[in-house]
Amino acid sequence: MNEVVACVDVGSTYTKAAAVDAESGGLLGTASHPTTLGTDVMDGLDRAVRAAVPSRARAVETLVCSSAGGGLRLGVVGSEPLVTARAAHRAGLSAGARVVRVCAGDIGQADWNALAEARPDVLLLAGGTDGGDQTALRANAAALAATGIRVPVVLAGNRDAADDLHRLLTDAGFDATCAGNVLPRIGDLDPAPARTALRDLFLRHVMAGKHLSVRADFTGLVKAPTPDAVLTGIELLGDLLGEDLLAVDVGGATTDVYSVLTPDPELSGPRTEVAGTAWRSRTVEGDLGIRHTATGIVAAAETGDLEPSPALRDAARRRSDRPDLRAETADERATDDLLSALAARVAVGRHARGERIGGPIEPLRGGKDLAAVKLVIGSGGALRLDPAAAESWVREAVCEYTSGGFRPPPAAARVVVDADHVLAPAGLLAADGRRAAATRLLRAELVERSHADATAPDERFGLLCRARRRYPQVTPEGTGGGAPCESATYCVPRGRPWSPFAPRSRCVPCWPSSPSTTSVRWW
């Protein structure tokens, strides 16, 4: 009997589970279930895990990441918008947070009121380089202590002031945690200590405070915010490939973009950006979701060089009004694809051009050159419905968009869809000390698939068979026999002609006892 690790991503809409062989890292099954926010999220989690784990396997551990209930809402307080506030903002994004408010510079009462109204779960307080001026950092900490805001705080500023400010905030009733400075020296961005501290606070305070489950075991199962787990998986994939990569995750409420880039030696010395450069980074676009914020996609497209049709505007408005809408028809699925493509194009452009911290008139900072990207990964529920079609429009939306004011990935970049949602499971496994299993999972599900998709059609079928070990009964000219095979996860239904090049050739689970919610792969 196989021993598996159940890796689960609890989202605001769906809960996705993956059963990963504890030793080999092989993907043995996946399933999804609507997230049961109305009752108890553990209800949907348990059902998804039962559907994903094969009947001939036993789950020895369950690892969970979550973005349900809004995920980690972060407020950033920095000494000045161009340096420490920007560095703290980037550190917060790398921790999987949604940055809901940034206060920097001359912070007045109106700014503190706006911060309180943004309802952050955690605050990240930064300011100054190590050994530098402490005046602004101390003033901001004292002003924060005098407000009515009482949420956990991560201190990630000048280390010389850390002990005094920790004592000040603790005496004022804050749960304060000291972390390493996000900007210890000018141009030296170090988000890792703050990322670790934010993850710990998310697990200790935020998940319990969202009251997603009455069961005590839920908070113990959650190991990270979902975007943090995904970024960990992407970082591991970047280490495995040794090349630049880009990932776009189109969700119902946001579109997240992740990049792992090779540091540019020219961006050092006099050309170093004062807030540092995040070579492994994430940006989140809160106005680009294909359900809750679908109207934002249309609005963003209209401000660019894109012209959404009146029908698309109506469809986006309908999705924003009814975020639980299910795309049941071919036309609705096509609309989701179009909205996803627009969201991906706009989000990647924003990621590459940089961000504005401190207001709409501030200059763009932190831009990224994507011209050396070799692999582009698409993710999201709409993409997983038809990965072959999604790979085509992801390439068009991201790699062939040459008029956006940035250098996109080249047209020759490999494009693959994370059809089985393995980036978050890989991140969970790596963080749990199962790095070897996580690496093998990524290699089989993304690396070998991306190389297979780049081969000539007459070579692709054989490579897929060897890489995935899921079609041992099939030849390009033959027909699957349909009998379950001990060594394969999927087999071809009886009597169905097999074409490895048609995106609608279906494979079904071998295990007859698996519920119908177990994922079906399309090629």
Protein backbone atom coordinates (compact mmCIF):
# COMPACT_ATOMS: atom_id res chain seq x y z
CA MET A 1 0.00 0.00 0.00
CA ASN A 2 1.40 3.37 -1.04
CA GLU A 3 1.95 5.98 1.64
CA VAL A 4 0.93 9.42 0.42
CA VAL A 5 1.07 13.00 1.60
CA ALA A 6 -2.21 14.85 1.03
CA CYS A 7 -1.40 18.43 -0.03
CA VAL A 8 -4.43 20.72 0.08
CA ASP A 9 -5.01 24.30 -1.08
CA VAL A 10 -8.10 25.81 0.57
CA GLY A 11 -9.19 28.68 -1.66
CA SER A 12 -12.13 31.01 -1.31
CA THR A 13 -13.98 29.17 -4.10
CA TYR A 14 -12.50 25.68 -4.38
CA THR A 15 -10.48 23.35 -2.20
CA LYS A 16 -7.91 21.44 -4.25
CA ALA A 17 -6.23 18.26 -2.99
CA ALA A 18 -3.27 16.33 -4.41
CA ALA A 19 -2.14 12.89 -3.26
CA VAL A 20 1.66 12.67 -3.60
CA ASP A 21 3.65 9.48 -3.04
CA ALA A 22 5.65 10.10 0.12
CA GLU A 23 8.78 8.41 -1.27
CA SER A 24 8.79 8.89 -5.03
CA GLY A 25 7.05 12.25 -5.25
CA GLY A 26 4.72 10.85 -7.89
CA LEU A 27 1.28 12.38 -8.26
CA LEU A 28 -1.24 9.62 -7.51
CA GLY A 29 -4.47 11.59 -7.66
CA THR A 30 -6.06 15.03 -7.53
CA ALA A 31 -9.53 16.27 -6.64
CA SER A 32 -11.38 19.49 -5.97
CA HIS A 33 -14.46 20.36 -3.98
CA PRO A 34 -16.27 23.68 -3.47
CA THR A 35 -14.88 25.34 -0.35
CA THR A 36 -17.44 24.96 2.41
CA LEU A 37 -17.17 28.46 3.90
CA GLY A 38 -20.86 28.41 4.79
CA THR A 39 -20.44 25.50 7.19
CA ASP A 40 -16.90 24.40 8.03
CA VAL A 41 -13.97 24.37 5.60
CA MET A 42 -12.91 20.98 6.95
CA ASP A 43 -16.05 19.47 5.38
CA GLY A 44 -14.87 20.27 1.87
CA LEU A 45 -11.24 19.55 2.76
CA ASP A 46 -12.06 16.03 3.99
CA ARG A 47 -14.13 15.27 0.89
CA ALA A 48 -11.40 16.50 -1.46
CA VAL A 49 -8.75 14.42 0.31
CA ARG A 50 -10.89 11.29 0.24
CA ALA A 51 -11.45 11.76 -3.48
CA ALA A 52 -7.78 12.39 -4.25
CA VAL A 53 -6.22 9.54 -2.26
CA PRO A 54 -6.49 6.23 -4.17
CA SER A 55 -8.22 3.33 -2.45
CA ARG A 56 -4.94 1.40 -2.43
CA ALA A 57 -3.05 4.17 -0.66
CA ARG A 58 -2.90 5.59 2.86
CA ALA A 59 -2.47 9.26 3.76
CA VAL A 60 0.29 9.55 6.35
CA GLU A 61 0.29 13.37 6.54
CA THR A 62 -1.87 16.28 5.45
CA LEU A 63 -0.31 19.63 4.55
CA VAL A 64 -2.57 22.62 3.93
CA CYS A 65 -2.17 26.13 2.56
CA SER A 66 -5.03 28.58 2.52
CA SER A 67 -6.22 31.82 0.98
CA ALA A 68 -9.81 31.38 2.16
CA GLY A 69 -11.39 34.31 3.96
CA GLY A 70 -9.15 36.79 2.15
CA GLY A 71 -5.79 35.23 3.02
CA LEU A 72 -3.20 37.38 4.78
CA ARG A 73 -4.14 41.08 4.72
CA LEU A 74 -1.04 43.18 5.36
CA GLY A 75 -0.53 46.84 6.21
CA VAL A 76 2.91 48.36 5.59
CA VAL A 77 4.37 51.29 7.52
CA GLY A 78 7.68 52.67 6.24
CA SER A 79 9.89 55.68 6.79
CA GLU A 80 9.80 56.90 3.18
CA PRO A 81 7.92 55.69 0.10
CA LEU A 82 10.90 55.31 -2.23
CA VAL A 83 13.09 53.13 -0.02
CA THR A 84 11.99 51.24 3.08
CA ALA A 85 8.26 51.29 2.34
CA ARG A 86 8.93 49.83 -1.09
CA ALA A 87 11.27 47.20 0.35
CA ALA A 88 8.69 46.25 3.00
CA HIS A 89 5.96 46.11 0.35
CA ARG A 90 8.02 43.63 -1.68
CA ALA A 91 8.81 41.56 1.41
CA GLY A 92 5.10 41.38 2.24
CA LEU A 93 4.21 40.18 -1.24
CA SER A 94 6.89 37.50 -1.06
CA ALA A 95 5.23 36.22 2.13
CA GLY A 96 1.98 35.64 0.28
CA ALA A 97 0.25 38.69 1.69
CA ARG A 98 -2.25 40.97 0.05
CA VAL A 99 -0.96 44.46 0.85
CA VAL A 100 -4.10 46.46 1.65
CA ARG A 101 -2.47 49.75 2.67
CA VAL A 102 0.96 51.40 2.61
CA CYS A 103 1.73 54.38 4.86
CA ALA A 104 5.05 56.17 4.45
CA GLY A 105 6.70 59.54 4.72
CA ASP A 106 4.87 62.19 6.74
CA ILE A 107 2.13 59.98 8.24
CA GLY A 108 -0.79 61.95 9.64
CA GLN A 109 -3.98 61.02 11.47
CA ALA A 110 -5.85 60.60 8.18
CA ASP A 111 -3.29 57.99 7.12
CA TRP A 112 -3.68 56.05 10.37
CA ASN A 113 -7.46 56.17 9.97
CA ALA A 114 -7.17 54.83 6.41
CA LEU A 115 -4.90 52.06 7.65
CA ALA A 116 -7.45 51.05 10.27
CA GLU A 117 -10.25 51.09 7.69
CA ALA A 118 -8.23 48.72 5.47
CA ARG A 119 -8.57 46.06 8.22
CA PRO A 120 -5.09 44.51 8.01
CA ASP A 121 -4.49 41.21 9.77
CA VAL A 122 -0.83 42.08 10.41
CA LEU A 123 1.35 45.19 10.17
CA LEU A 124 4.91 45.27 8.82
CA LEU A 125 6.85 48.18 10.33
CA ALA A 126 10.09 49.05 8.55
CA GLY A 127 12.45 51.98 8.37
CA GLY A 128 16.13 52.83 8.07
CA THR A 129 19.16 50.74 7.24
CA ASP A 130 21.10 48.96 9.98
CA GLY A 131 23.22 51.52 11.80
CA GLY A 132 21.47 54.41 10.06
CA ASP A 133 19.09 57.10 11.23
CA GLN A 134 16.32 55.87 13.57
CA THR A 135 14.24 59.03 13.88
CA ALA A 136 11.43 58.25 11.44
CA LEU A 137 11.15 54.61 12.53
CA ARG A 138 10.86 55.55 16.19
CA ALA A 139 8.33 58.28 15.43
CA ASN A 140 6.16 55.89 13.42
CA ALA A 141 6.27 53.25 16.15
CA ALA A 142 5.27 55.78 18.81
CA ALA A 143 2.41 57.08 16.62
CA LEU A 144 1.23 53.53 15.95
CA ALA A 145 1.21 52.77 19.68
CA ALA A 146 -1.05 55.80 20.23
CA THR A 147 -3.65 54.65 17.67
CA GLY A 148 -6.54 52.30 18.30
CA ILE A 149 -5.12 49.71 15.88
CA ARG A 150 -4.29 46.47 17.67
CA VAL A 151 -3.10 43.74 15.33
CA PRO A 152 0.15 41.75 15.38
CA VAL A 153 3.22 43.69 14.21
CA VAL A 154 6.44 42.52 12.57
CA LEU A 155 9.34 44.90 13.22
CA ALA A 156 11.69 44.70 10.23
CA GLY A 157 13.63 47.96 10.33
CA ASN A 158 16.89 49.30 11.71
CA ARG A 159 18.11 46.58 14.06
CA ASP A 160 19.66 49.12 16.45
CA ALA A 161 16.16 50.27 17.40
CA ALA A 162 14.50 46.84 17.42
CA ASP A 163 14.67 46.06 21.15
CA ASP A 164 13.39 49.49 22.25
CA LEU A 165 10.51 49.45 19.76
CA HIS A 166 9.59 45.88 20.60
CA ARG A 167 9.29 46.92 24.25
CA LEU A 168 7.29 50.04 23.33
CA LEU A 169 4.75 48.14 21.21
CA THR A 170 4.46 45.22 23.62
CA ASP A 171 3.73 47.60 26.50
CA ALA A 172 1.05 49.23 24.32
CA GLY A 173 -0.71 45.88 23.88
CA PHE A 174 0.66 44.72 20.53
CA ASP A 175 1.84 41.20 19.74
CA ALA A 176 5.18 42.33 18.31
CA THR A 177 7.78 40.18 16.58
CA CYS A 178 11.29 41.28 15.64
CA ALA A 179 12.70 40.16 12.29
CA GLY A 180 15.78 41.06 10.28
CA ASN A 181 15.77 44.39 8.47
CA VAL A 182 14.13 44.15 5.02
CA LEU A 183 16.73 46.66 3.81
CA PRO A 184 19.88 46.25 5.94
CA ARG A 185 21.91 48.28 3.44
CA ILE A 186 20.94 50.55 0.59
CA GLY A 187 20.23 48.38 -2.45
CA ASP A 188 20.31 45.12 -0.46
CA LEU A 189 16.77 43.74 -0.24
CA ASP A 190 16.45 40.89 2.27
CA PRO A 191 12.81 39.76 2.54
CA ALA A 192 13.45 36.28 3.98
CA PRO A 193 13.38 37.05 7.75
CA ALA A 194 10.21 39.16 7.46
CA ARG A 195 8.64 36.49 5.24
CA THR A 196 9.26 33.85 7.92
CA ALA A 197 7.88 36.07 10.69
CA LEU A 198 4.76 36.93 8.67
CA ARG A 199 4.13 33.26 7.91
CA ASP A 200 4.38 32.43 11.61
CA LEU A 201 1.92 35.17 12.56
CA PHE A 202 -0.44 34.02 9.81
CA LEU A 203 -0.46 30.53 11.27
CA ARG A 204 -0.68 31.59 14.95
CA HIS A 205 -3.20 34.41 14.71
CA VAL A 206 -4.77 35.01 11.32
CA MET A 207 -6.11 31.54 10.51
CA ALA A 208 -7.65 31.16 13.95
CA GLY A 209 -9.13 34.65 13.77
CA LYS A 210 -10.96 33.97 10.50
CA HIS A 211 -13.08 31.26 12.18
CA LEU A 212 -13.05 29.04 9.10
CA SER A 213 -13.45 25.86 11.13
CA VAL A 214 -14.61 24.84 14.57
CA ARG A 215 -12.22 21.90 14.51
CA ALA A 216 -8.97 22.50 16.32
CA ASP A 217 -6.99 20.40 13.86
CA PHE A 218 -7.55 22.81 10.95
CA THR A 219 -5.16 25.52 12.16
CA GLY A 220 -2.61 22.82 12.90
CA LEU A 221 -2.81 21.52 9.35
CA VAL A 222 -2.30 24.93 7.71
CA LYS A 223 1.38 25.53 7.01
CA ALA A 224 1.38 28.70 4.89
CA PRO A 225 -0.70 31.21 2.95
CA THR A 226 -1.31 29.79 -0.52
CA PRO A 227 0.75 32.44 -2.41
CA ASP A 228 3.69 31.77 -0.09
CA ALA A 229 3.49 28.03 -0.84
CA VAL A 230 3.24 28.73 -4.58
CA LEU A 231 6.27 31.05 -4.50
CA THR A 232 8.25 28.39 -2.63
CA GLY A 233 7.31 25.86 -5.33
CA ILE A 234 8.32 28.28 -8.09
CA GLU A 235 11.64 29.05 -6.37
CA LEU A 236 12.32 25.32 -6.16
CA LEU A 237 11.44 24.93 -9.83
CA GLY A 238 13.81 27.77 -10.70
CA ASP A 239 16.60 26.03 -8.79
CA LEU A 240 15.81 22.77 -10.58
CA LEU A 241 15.85 24.32 -14.06
CA GLY A 242 18.58 26.87 -13.57
CA GLU A 243 16.76 29.26 -15.89
CA ASP A 244 14.44 32.26 -15.71
CA LEU A 245 10.75 31.52 -15.39
CA LEU A 246 7.43 33.32 -15.04
CA ALA A 247 4.12 32.09 -13.61
CA VAL A 248 0.67 33.66 -13.93
CA ASP A 249 -2.13 32.49 -11.62
CA VAL A 250 -5.55 33.80 -12.66
CA GLY A 251 -8.06 33.47 -9.83
CA GLY A 252 -11.60 34.53 -9.05
CA ALA A 253 -10.58 37.60 -7.02
CA THR A 254 -6.95 38.34 -8.00
CA THR A 255 -4.29 37.55 -10.56
CA ASP A 256 -0.86 36.80 -9.12
CA VAL A 257 2.38 36.91 -11.11
CA TYR A 258 5.57 35.22 -9.93
CA SER A 259 9.03 35.47 -11.45
CA VAL A 260 12.39 33.86 -10.79
CA LEU A 261 15.06 35.81 -12.66
CA THR A 262 18.84 35.67 -12.86
CA PRO A 263 20.43 38.67 -11.11
CA ASP A 264 21.77 41.19 -13.60
CA PRO A 265 25.35 42.17 -12.70
CA GLU A 266 24.84 45.51 -14.47
CA LEU A 267 22.21 46.45 -11.86
CA SER A 268 24.83 46.87 -9.15
CA GLY A 269 27.14 49.61 -8.00
CA PRO A 270 25.87 53.04 -9.08
CA ARG A 271 22.89 51.48 -10.89
CA THR A 272 21.60 49.64 -7.82
CA GLU A 273 18.03 50.56 -6.96
CA VAL A 274 17.96 51.98 -3.45
CA ALA A 275 15.12 49.68 -2.34
CA GLY A 276 16.92 46.64 -3.75
CA THR A 277 15.82 44.31 -6.52
CA ALA A 278 13.59 41.30 -5.90
CA TRP A 279 14.92 38.67 -8.30
CA ARG A 280 12.41 36.17 -6.93
CA SER A 281 9.16 37.97 -6.49
CA ARG A 282 5.38 38.05 -6.59
CA THR A 283 2.91 40.76 -7.42
CA VAL A 284 -0.81 40.55 -6.81
CA GLU A 285 -3.45 42.45 -8.74
CA GLY A 286 -6.57 42.82 -6.61
CA ASP A 287 -8.66 44.23 -9.47
CA LEU A 288 -8.04 41.37 -11.92
CA GLY A 289 -10.14 38.36 -10.93
CA ILE A 290 -12.49 36.57 -13.32
CA ARG A 291 -15.33 36.55 -10.79
CA HIS A 292 -15.30 38.98 -7.87
CA THR A 293 -13.38 41.69 -9.75
CA ALA A 294 -14.16 40.84 -13.39
CA THR A 295 -15.22 44.44 -14.11
CA GLY A 296 -11.72 45.50 -13.11
CA ILE A 297 -10.28 43.40 -15.93
CA VAL A 298 -12.42 45.24 -18.46
CA ALA A 299 -11.56 48.61 -16.94
CA ALA A 300 -7.84 47.85 -17.01
CA ALA A 301 -8.05 46.65 -20.59
CA GLU A 302 -9.85 49.83 -21.65
CA THR A 303 -7.07 52.02 -20.22
CA GLY A 304 -4.51 50.11 -22.28
CA ASP A 305 -4.41 49.34 -25.96
CA LEU A 306 -7.20 46.72 -25.71
CA GLU A 307 -10.84 47.22 -26.63
CA PRO A 308 -13.28 44.89 -24.81
CA SER A 309 -16.57 44.36 -26.62
CA PRO A 310 -19.91 45.43 -25.09
CA ALA A 311 -20.77 41.74 -24.70
CA LEU A 312 -17.60 41.17 -22.66
CA ARG A 313 -18.39 44.17 -20.46
CA ASP A 314 -21.84 42.71 -19.76
CA ALA A 315 -20.36 39.28 -19.03
CA ALA A 316 -17.82 40.79 -16.63
CA ARG A 317 -20.55 42.73 -14.81
CA ARG A 318 -22.62 39.55 -14.48
CA ARG A 319 -19.65 37.69 -12.98
CA SER A 320 -18.92 40.46 -10.49
CA ASP A 321 -22.56 40.44 -9.42
CA ARG A 322 -22.61 36.64 -9.18
CA PRO A 323 -19.14 35.42 -8.19
CA ASP A 324 -20.53 31.89 -7.70
CA LEU A 325 -21.45 31.68 -11.41
CA ARG A 326 -20.41 28.38 -12.97
CA ALA A 327 -19.32 28.33 -16.61
CA GLU A 328 -21.57 25.51 -17.80
CA THR A 329 -21.71 26.26 -21.54
CA ALA A 330 -19.04 26.53 -24.21
CA ASP A 331 -19.79 30.25 -24.61
CA GLU A 332 -19.38 30.88 -20.87
CA ARG A 333 -16.10 28.96 -20.83
CA ALA A 334 -14.89 30.94 -23.83
CA THR A 335 -15.73 34.17 -21.98
CA ASP A 336 -13.76 32.97 -18.96
CA ASP A 337 -10.81 32.24 -21.26
CA LEU A 338 -10.96 35.73 -22.74
CA LEU A 339 -11.18 37.41 -19.34
CA SER A 340 -8.31 35.22 -18.11
CA ALA A 341 -6.19 36.17 -21.11
CA LEU A 342 -6.83 39.87 -20.54
CA ALA A 343 -6.08 39.52 -16.82
CA ALA A 344 -2.83 37.68 -17.56
CA ARG A 345 -1.72 40.29 -20.09
CA VAL A 346 -2.44 43.25 -17.81
CA ALA A 347 -0.97 41.58 -14.70
CA VAL A 348 2.28 40.55 -16.40
CA GLY A 349 2.64 44.08 -17.76
CA ARG A 350 2.27 45.57 -14.29
CA HIS A 351 4.70 43.02 -12.86
CA ALA A 352 7.30 43.86 -15.50
CA ARG A 353 6.89 47.64 -15.43
CA GLY A 354 7.11 47.90 -11.62
CA GLU A 355 4.93 49.41 -8.93
CA ARG A 356 4.08 52.83 -7.56
CA ILE A 357 4.48 53.17 -3.78
CA GLY A 358 3.22 56.36 -2.20
CA GLY A 359 0.61 57.49 -4.70
CA PRO A 360 -0.41 57.57 -8.36
CA ILE A 361 2.08 60.28 -9.28
CA GLU A 362 5.09 58.37 -7.92
CA PRO A 363 7.46 56.91 -10.53
CA LEU A 364 7.36 53.23 -11.41
CA ARG A 365 10.06 51.29 -9.58
CA GLY A 366 11.21 47.68 -9.49
CA GLY A 367 10.59 46.84 -13.14
CA LYS A 368 11.72 43.48 -14.52
CA ASP A 369 13.20 42.41 -17.83
CA LEU A 370 11.45 39.20 -18.88
CA ALA A 371 13.33 38.75 -22.16
CA ALA A 372 15.43 35.87 -20.79
CA VAL A 373 12.47 33.85 -19.47
CA LYS A 374 12.61 30.30 -20.82
CA LEU A 375 9.45 28.87 -19.20
CA VAL A 376 6.02 30.44 -18.70
CA ILE A 377 3.54 28.66 -16.41
CA GLY A 378 -0.19 29.31 -16.47
CA SER A 379 -2.37 28.43 -13.50
CA GLY A 380 -5.95 28.88 -12.39
CA GLY A 381 -9.23 27.05 -12.53
CA ALA A 382 -10.23 28.34 -15.96
CA LEU A 383 -6.91 27.21 -17.44
CA ARG A 384 -7.11 23.73 -15.98
CA LEU A 385 -10.43 23.02 -17.72
CA ASP A 386 -8.62 22.83 -21.07
CA PRO A 387 -4.83 23.05 -20.65
CA ALA A 388 -4.04 22.63 -24.36
CA ALA A 389 -6.21 25.58 -25.35
CA ALA A 390 -4.95 27.61 -22.37
CA GLU A 391 -1.32 27.11 -23.37
CA SER A 392 -2.14 28.69 -26.72
CA TRP A 393 -3.77 31.83 -25.33
CA VAL A 394 -1.22 32.19 -22.53
CA ARG A 395 1.49 32.30 -25.19
CA GLU A 396 -0.45 34.89 -27.16
CA ALA A 397 -1.34 37.01 -24.12
CA VAL A 398 2.07 36.95 -22.45
CA CYS A 399 4.84 36.07 -24.91
CA GLU A 400 3.47 37.78 -28.02
CA TYR A 401 2.49 41.06 -26.35
CA THR A 402 5.21 43.38 -27.63
CA SER A 403 3.53 46.77 -27.28
CA GLY A 404 3.19 46.94 -23.49
CA GLY A 405 6.20 49.09 -22.69
CA PHE A 406 8.31 46.22 -21.33
CA ARG A 407 10.30 43.29 -22.68
CA PRO A 408 8.09 40.17 -22.51
CA PRO A 409 9.20 36.54 -22.56
CA PRO A 410 10.33 35.55 -26.05
CA ALA A 411 7.93 33.84 -28.45
CA ALA A 412 10.16 30.77 -28.28
CA ALA A 413 9.66 30.34 -24.51
CA ARG A 414 8.09 27.06 -23.44
CA VAL A 415 4.54 27.41 -22.10
CA VAL A 416 2.88 24.89 -19.80
CA VAL A 417 -0.30 24.91 -17.71
CA ASP A 418 -0.17 23.66 -14.14
CA ALA A 419 -3.07 21.35 -14.95
CA ASP A 420 -2.91 19.39 -11.71
CA HIS A 421 -2.17 22.39 -9.48
CA VAL A 422 1.19 21.06 -8.25
CA LEU A 423 3.06 24.30 -7.51
CA ALA A 424 1.41 24.79 -4.11
CA PRO A 425 1.83 21.09 -3.13
CA ALA A 426 5.49 21.26 -4.13
CA GLY A 427 5.96 24.33 -1.94
CA LEU A 428 4.23 22.60 0.98
CA LEU A 429 6.39 19.50 0.58
CA ALA A 430 9.62 21.52 0.36
CA ALA A 431 8.76 23.55 3.47
CA ASP A 432 7.96 20.30 5.29
CA GLY A 433 11.46 18.93 4.65
CA ARG A 434 10.41 16.77 1.68
CA ARG A 435 12.44 18.67 -0.88
CA ALA A 436 13.41 15.57 -2.88
CA ALA A 437 9.76 14.53 -3.29
CA ALA A 438 8.81 18.10 -4.23
CA THR A 439 11.58 18.22 -6.84
CA ARG A 440 10.48 14.93 -8.40
CA LEU A 441 6.86 16.12 -8.46
CA LEU A 442 7.80 19.31 -10.31
CA ARG A 443 10.07 17.46 -12.70
CA ALA A 444 7.35 14.99 -13.71
CA GLU A 445 4.37 17.34 -13.80
CA LEU A 446 5.88 20.54 -15.21
CA VAL A 447 9.46 20.17 -16.44
CA GLU A 448 9.03 17.01 -18.53
CA ARG A 449 5.64 18.16 -19.76
CA SER A 450 7.03 21.52 -20.85
CA HIS A 451 9.82 19.81 -22.78
CA ALA A 452 7.36 17.31 -24.23
CA ASP A 453 5.12 20.10 -25.49
CA ALA A 454 8.12 21.70 -27.18
CA THR A 455 9.01 18.59 -29.20
CA ALA A 456 7.82 17.77 -32.68
CA PRO A 457 4.34 16.14 -32.78
CA ASP A 458 5.68 12.76 -33.86
CA GLU A 459 8.02 12.72 -30.85
CA ARG A 460 5.63 14.17 -28.29
CA PHE A 461 3.51 11.09 -27.73
CA GLY A 462 6.38 8.76 -26.88
CA LEU A 463 7.97 11.33 -24.58
CA LEU A 464 4.70 11.88 -22.76
CA CYS A 465 4.33 8.14 -22.26
CA ARG A 466 7.81 7.82 -20.82
CA ALA A 467 7.51 10.95 -18.71
CA ARG A 468 4.09 10.34 -17.23
CA ARG A 469 3.88 6.51 -17.28
CA ARG A 470 0.12 6.81 -17.63
CA TYR A 471 -0.57 5.36 -21.10
CA PRO A 472 1.27 2.00 -21.26
CA GLN A 473 -1.50 0.30 -23.26
CA VAL A 474 -1.73 2.89 -26.01
CA THR A 475 0.03 3.48 -29.33
CA PRO A 476 -0.61 6.46 -31.59
CA GLU A 477 -2.49 4.26 -34.02
CA GLY A 478 -4.23 2.05 -31.48
CA THR A 479 -7.22 2.10 -29.22
CA GLY A 480 -7.10 1.75 -25.46
CA GLY A 481 -8.42 -1.48 -24.03
CA GLY A 482 -9.85 0.19 -20.95
CA ALA A 483 -8.70 -2.38 -18.41
CA PRO A 484 -7.18 -0.83 -15.25
CA CYS A 485 -3.41 -1.26 -15.20
CA GLU A 486 -1.47 -1.64 -11.97
CA SER A 487 1.32 0.72 -12.97
CA ALA A 488 -0.72 3.61 -14.36
CA THR A 489 -2.80 6.31 -12.81
CA TYR A 490 -4.98 6.79 -15.89
CA CYS A 491 -6.08 4.61 -18.77
CA VAL A 492 -8.05 5.20 -21.96
CA PRO A 493 -11.78 4.34 -21.85
CA ARG A 494 -12.75 1.15 -23.65
CA GLY A 495 -13.24 1.57 -27.38
CA ARG A 496 -12.23 5.23 -27.57
CA PRO A 497 -9.69 6.05 -30.32
CA TRP A 498 -6.63 7.70 -28.85
CA SER A 499 -5.10 10.80 -30.40
CA PRO A 500 -2.29 12.39 -28.43
CA PHE A 501 -2.66 15.59 -30.44
CA ALA A 502 -6.40 16.25 -29.97
CA PRO A 503 -7.00 18.36 -26.85
CA ARG A 504 -10.30 16.66 -26.17
CA SER A 505 -9.08 13.08 -25.88
CA ARG A 506 -10.09 12.12 -22.38
CA CYS A 507 -8.40 9.90 -19.84
CA VAL A 508 -10.23 8.65 -16.76
CA PRO A 509 -9.01 7.32 -13.40
CA CYS A 510 -8.06 3.66 -13.27
CA TRP A 511 -9.45 3.12 -9.81
CA PRO A 512 -13.17 2.23 -10.11
CA SER A 513 -13.79 3.22 -6.50
CA SER A 514 -12.58 6.79 -6.99
CA PRO A 515 -15.39 9.37 -6.77
CA SER A 516 -16.35 11.22 -9.92
CA THR A 517 -14.85 14.43 -8.52
CA THR A 518 -11.34 13.06 -9.07
CA SER A 519 -9.67 15.22 -11.70
CA VAL A 520 -9.79 14.26 -15.35
CA ARG A 521 -6.77 15.15 -17.49
CA TRP A 522 -7.27 16.57 -20.96
CA TRP A 523 -4.66 16.50 -23.72
